[in-house]
Amino acid sequence: MNKKAYEKPRVSKVEVDSQIIRMFTRQGFIEVFREELKARRKENPKITEKEVFDSLNQKFLEVFNEFRYSSYDSFRQRLDKKSQG
C-alpha cells in the first residue's frame, strides 16, 4: 500500500475591489451607486440610473455568485425609503 505524500494546502489570495466590499451592506450599495452615477454622468449625461444599477449588481454577482438586489425595482424601493427617512 503506497502512502500518498503529504501535500501542504495552498493558500491563494483573492483580491476584491473596494466597491464590492462596500456594496455588501445596503447603505454601502446606495453610496457606491450615487458615486458611480455621478461619475458616469460626467462621461455620459444620458446614462440611466438603471444602467448604473445593472452594472454594479452584475459586478456584485461576479464575486458572490448572487445579485445584491433581485431587481432594479427592489433597489429603488430601498433608495426611496432611505431618502424619506
N, C-alpha and C. Protein backbone atom coordinates (compact mmCIF):
# COMPACT_ATOMS: atom_id res chain seq x y z
N MET A 1 0.83 -1.17 0.00
CA MET A 1 0.00 0.00 0.00
C MET A 1 0.88 1.25 0.00
N ASN A 2 0.75 2.04 -1.03
CA ASN A 2 1.54 3.26 -1.13
C ASN A 2 0.83 4.40 -0.41
N LYS A 3 1.59 5.06 0.42
CA LYS A 3 1.03 6.24 1.07
C LYS A 3 1.31 7.45 0.21
N LYS A 4 0.28 8.25 0.07
CA LYS A 4 0.44 9.48 -0.70
C LYS A 4 1.18 10.49 0.17
N ALA A 5 2.16 11.14 -0.41
CA ALA A 5 2.94 12.13 0.33
C ALA A 5 2.03 13.29 0.73
N TYR A 6 2.28 13.81 1.91
CA TYR A 6 1.50 14.95 2.40
C TYR A 6 1.76 16.16 1.51
N GLU A 7 0.68 16.77 1.11
CA GLU A 7 0.80 17.98 0.31
C GLU A 7 0.19 19.13 1.09
N LYS A 8 1.01 20.10 1.39
CA LYS A 8 0.56 21.24 2.17
C LYS A 8 -0.53 22.00 1.40
N PRO A 9 -1.63 22.35 2.08
CA PRO A 9 -2.69 23.11 1.38
C PRO A 9 -2.15 24.43 0.86
N ARG A 10 -2.61 24.77 -0.31
CA ARG A 10 -2.17 26.02 -0.91
C ARG A 10 -3.13 27.14 -0.53
N VAL A 11 -2.54 28.24 -0.19
CA VAL A 11 -3.33 29.41 0.17
C VAL A 11 -3.22 30.39 -0.99
N SER A 12 -4.37 30.81 -1.44
CA SER A 12 -4.32 31.80 -2.51
C SER A 12 -5.00 33.07 -2.04
N LYS A 13 -4.50 34.15 -2.50
CA LYS A 13 -5.04 35.45 -2.11
C LYS A 13 -6.06 35.88 -3.15
N VAL A 14 -7.19 36.32 -2.67
CA VAL A 14 -8.23 36.81 -3.56
C VAL A 14 -8.37 38.30 -3.33
N GLU A 15 -8.20 39.05 -4.40
CA GLU A 15 -8.36 40.49 -4.27
C GLU A 15 -9.76 40.88 -4.70
N VAL A 16 -10.40 41.69 -3.87
CA VAL A 16 -11.76 42.13 -4.15
C VAL A 16 -11.77 43.65 -4.19
N ASP A 17 -12.35 44.18 -5.22
CA ASP A 17 -12.48 45.62 -5.39
C ASP A 17 -13.16 46.23 -4.16
N SER A 18 -12.67 47.37 -3.71
CA SER A 18 -13.24 48.01 -2.52
C SER A 18 -14.71 48.36 -2.72
N GLN A 19 -15.11 48.64 -3.95
CA GLN A 19 -16.53 48.91 -4.22
C GLN A 19 -17.38 47.70 -3.84
N ILE A 20 -16.91 46.53 -4.17
CA ILE A 20 -17.66 45.30 -3.88
C ILE A 20 -17.84 45.14 -2.37
N ILE A 21 -16.78 45.38 -1.63
CA ILE A 21 -16.85 45.26 -0.18
C ILE A 21 -17.86 46.25 0.38
N ARG A 22 -17.82 47.47 -0.11
CA ARG A 22 -18.77 48.49 0.35
C ARG A 22 -20.20 48.13 -0.02
N MET A 23 -20.39 47.49 -1.18
CA MET A 23 -21.73 47.15 -1.64
C MET A 23 -22.36 46.02 -0.84
N PHE A 24 -21.60 45.40 0.03
CA PHE A 24 -22.13 44.28 0.82
C PHE A 24 -23.25 44.73 1.75
N THR A 25 -23.18 45.97 2.23
CA THR A 25 -24.27 46.49 3.06
C THR A 25 -25.22 47.31 2.19
N ARG A 26 -26.46 47.44 2.62
CA ARG A 26 -27.44 48.23 1.86
C ARG A 26 -26.99 49.67 1.71
N GLN A 27 -26.58 50.26 2.84
CA GLN A 27 -26.13 51.65 2.82
C GLN A 27 -24.92 51.81 1.91
N GLY A 28 -24.01 50.87 1.98
CA GLY A 28 -22.81 50.91 1.14
C GLY A 28 -23.16 50.84 -0.33
N PHE A 29 -24.11 49.98 -0.68
CA PHE A 29 -24.52 49.88 -2.09
C PHE A 29 -25.09 51.21 -2.56
N ILE A 30 -25.91 51.83 -1.73
CA ILE A 30 -26.52 53.11 -2.10
C ILE A 30 -25.44 54.17 -2.30
N GLU A 31 -24.46 54.21 -1.41
CA GLU A 31 -23.37 55.18 -1.53
C GLU A 31 -22.57 54.96 -2.80
N VAL A 32 -22.21 53.71 -3.07
CA VAL A 32 -21.45 53.39 -4.28
C VAL A 32 -22.28 53.74 -5.52
N PHE A 33 -23.57 53.43 -5.47
CA PHE A 33 -24.46 53.74 -6.59
C PHE A 33 -24.45 55.24 -6.89
N ARG A 34 -24.60 56.04 -5.86
CA ARG A 34 -24.64 57.50 -6.06
C ARG A 34 -23.32 58.03 -6.59
N GLU A 35 -22.21 57.53 -6.06
CA GLU A 35 -20.88 57.95 -6.53
C GLU A 35 -20.68 57.55 -8.00
N GLU A 36 -21.05 56.32 -8.30
CA GLU A 36 -20.88 55.80 -9.66
C GLU A 36 -21.77 56.56 -10.65
N LEU A 37 -22.99 56.84 -10.26
CA LEU A 37 -23.92 57.57 -11.11
C LEU A 37 -23.36 58.96 -11.43
N LYS A 38 -22.86 59.62 -10.42
CA LYS A 38 -22.30 60.96 -10.62
C LYS A 38 -21.09 60.90 -11.57
N ALA A 39 -20.20 59.95 -11.35
CA ALA A 39 -19.00 59.82 -12.18
C ALA A 39 -19.36 59.45 -13.62
N ARG A 40 -20.28 58.50 -13.78
CA ARG A 40 -20.66 58.06 -15.13
C ARG A 40 -21.42 59.13 -15.89
N ARG A 41 -22.19 59.97 -15.18
CA ARG A 41 -22.92 61.04 -15.85
C ARG A 41 -22.00 62.16 -16.32
N LYS A 42 -20.82 62.27 -15.73
CA LYS A 42 -19.83 63.22 -16.23
C LYS A 42 -19.36 62.78 -17.62
N GLU A 43 -19.23 61.46 -17.80
CA GLU A 43 -18.80 60.91 -19.09
C GLU A 43 -19.95 60.86 -20.08
N ASN A 44 -21.15 60.52 -19.58
CA ASN A 44 -22.31 60.35 -20.44
C ASN A 44 -23.55 60.84 -19.70
N PRO A 45 -23.95 62.09 -19.93
CA PRO A 45 -25.09 62.66 -19.21
C PRO A 45 -26.41 61.91 -19.41
N LYS A 46 -26.48 61.07 -20.44
CA LYS A 46 -27.72 60.36 -20.74
C LYS A 46 -27.82 58.98 -20.09
N ILE A 47 -26.77 58.57 -19.37
CA ILE A 47 -26.82 57.23 -18.74
C ILE A 47 -27.92 57.20 -17.69
N THR A 48 -28.63 56.10 -17.65
CA THR A 48 -29.76 56.00 -16.73
C THR A 48 -29.33 55.40 -15.39
N GLU A 49 -30.16 55.65 -14.38
CA GLU A 49 -29.91 55.05 -13.07
C GLU A 49 -29.93 53.53 -13.18
N LYS A 50 -30.83 53.00 -13.99
CA LYS A 50 -30.95 51.55 -14.14
C LYS A 50 -29.68 50.96 -14.74
N GLU A 51 -29.10 51.64 -15.71
CA GLU A 51 -27.86 51.14 -16.32
C GLU A 51 -26.73 51.07 -15.30
N VAL A 52 -26.63 52.09 -14.47
CA VAL A 52 -25.59 52.10 -13.43
C VAL A 52 -25.88 51.01 -12.41
N PHE A 53 -27.13 50.89 -12.00
CA PHE A 53 -27.52 49.83 -11.07
C PHE A 53 -27.16 48.46 -11.64
N ASP A 54 -27.55 48.22 -12.89
CA ASP A 54 -27.29 46.91 -13.50
C ASP A 54 -25.80 46.58 -13.53
N SER A 55 -24.97 47.56 -13.83
CA SER A 55 -23.53 47.28 -13.89
C SER A 55 -22.98 46.97 -12.49
N LEU A 56 -23.45 47.69 -11.47
CA LEU A 56 -22.99 47.41 -10.11
C LEU A 56 -23.51 46.06 -9.61
N ASN A 57 -24.75 45.77 -9.89
CA ASN A 57 -25.34 44.50 -9.46
C ASN A 57 -24.62 43.33 -10.15
N GLN A 58 -24.25 43.51 -11.41
CA GLN A 58 -23.51 42.49 -12.16
C GLN A 58 -22.12 42.29 -11.55
N LYS A 59 -21.48 43.37 -11.19
CA LYS A 59 -20.16 43.32 -10.56
C LYS A 59 -20.24 42.52 -9.25
N PHE A 60 -21.30 42.75 -8.48
CA PHE A 60 -21.52 42.02 -7.22
C PHE A 60 -21.72 40.53 -7.51
N LEU A 61 -22.50 40.23 -8.53
CA LEU A 61 -22.77 38.84 -8.92
C LEU A 61 -21.48 38.09 -9.26
N GLU A 62 -20.59 38.75 -9.96
CA GLU A 62 -19.35 38.10 -10.38
C GLU A 62 -18.48 37.67 -9.20
N VAL A 63 -18.61 38.35 -8.08
CA VAL A 63 -17.81 37.99 -6.90
C VAL A 63 -18.54 37.01 -5.99
N PHE A 64 -19.82 37.27 -5.74
CA PHE A 64 -20.57 36.48 -4.75
C PHE A 64 -21.52 35.45 -5.34
N ASN A 65 -21.60 35.37 -6.66
CA ASN A 65 -22.48 34.42 -7.35
C ASN A 65 -23.96 34.61 -7.03
N GLU A 66 -24.31 35.80 -6.63
CA GLU A 66 -25.71 36.16 -6.45
C GLU A 66 -25.81 37.68 -6.55
N PHE A 67 -26.97 38.13 -6.98
CA PHE A 67 -27.16 39.57 -7.09
C PHE A 67 -27.33 40.18 -5.72
N ARG A 68 -26.94 41.44 -5.58
CA ARG A 68 -27.15 42.16 -4.32
C ARG A 68 -28.63 42.47 -4.17
N TYR A 69 -29.26 42.87 -5.25
CA TYR A 69 -30.70 43.12 -5.29
C TYR A 69 -31.30 42.27 -6.40
N SER A 70 -32.50 41.78 -6.17
CA SER A 70 -33.14 40.91 -7.16
C SER A 70 -33.53 41.67 -8.42
N SER A 71 -33.77 42.97 -8.28
CA SER A 71 -34.16 43.77 -9.44
C SER A 71 -33.93 45.25 -9.16
N TYR A 72 -33.98 46.03 -10.21
CA TYR A 72 -33.85 47.48 -10.07
C TYR A 72 -35.00 48.02 -9.21
N ASP A 73 -36.19 47.46 -9.39
CA ASP A 73 -37.35 47.93 -8.62
C ASP A 73 -37.15 47.73 -7.11
N SER A 74 -36.59 46.59 -6.71
CA SER A 74 -36.37 46.37 -5.28
C SER A 74 -35.32 47.34 -4.75
N PHE A 75 -34.34 47.65 -5.56
CA PHE A 75 -33.34 48.65 -5.16
C PHE A 75 -33.97 50.03 -5.05
N ARG A 76 -34.81 50.39 -6.00
CA ARG A 76 -35.49 51.70 -5.97
C ARG A 76 -36.32 51.85 -4.70
N GLN A 77 -36.99 50.79 -4.28
CA GLN A 77 -37.78 50.84 -3.05
C GLN A 77 -36.87 51.14 -1.85
N ARG A 78 -35.72 50.50 -1.81
CA ARG A 78 -34.76 50.72 -0.73
C ARG A 78 -34.24 52.16 -0.79
N LEU A 79 -33.96 52.64 -1.98
CA LEU A 79 -33.46 54.00 -2.17
C LEU A 79 -34.51 55.02 -1.76
N ASP A 80 -35.75 54.78 -2.12
CA ASP A 80 -36.84 55.69 -1.76
C ASP A 80 -37.04 55.75 -0.24
N LYS A 81 -36.96 54.59 0.42
CA LYS A 81 -37.11 54.56 1.89
C LYS A 81 -35.98 55.35 2.54
N LYS A 82 -34.78 55.20 1.99
CA LYS A 82 -33.61 55.87 2.56
C LYS A 82 -33.74 57.38 2.42
N SER A 83 -34.26 57.84 1.30
CA SER A 83 -34.37 59.29 1.10
C SER A 83 -35.52 59.90 1.90
N GLN A 84 -36.51 59.07 2.28
CA GLN A 84 -37.62 59.56 3.08
C GLN A 84 -37.27 59.65 4.56
N GLY A 85 -36.46 58.73 5.00
CA GLY A 85 -36.19 58.70 6.44
C GLY A 85 -34.80 58.96 6.71
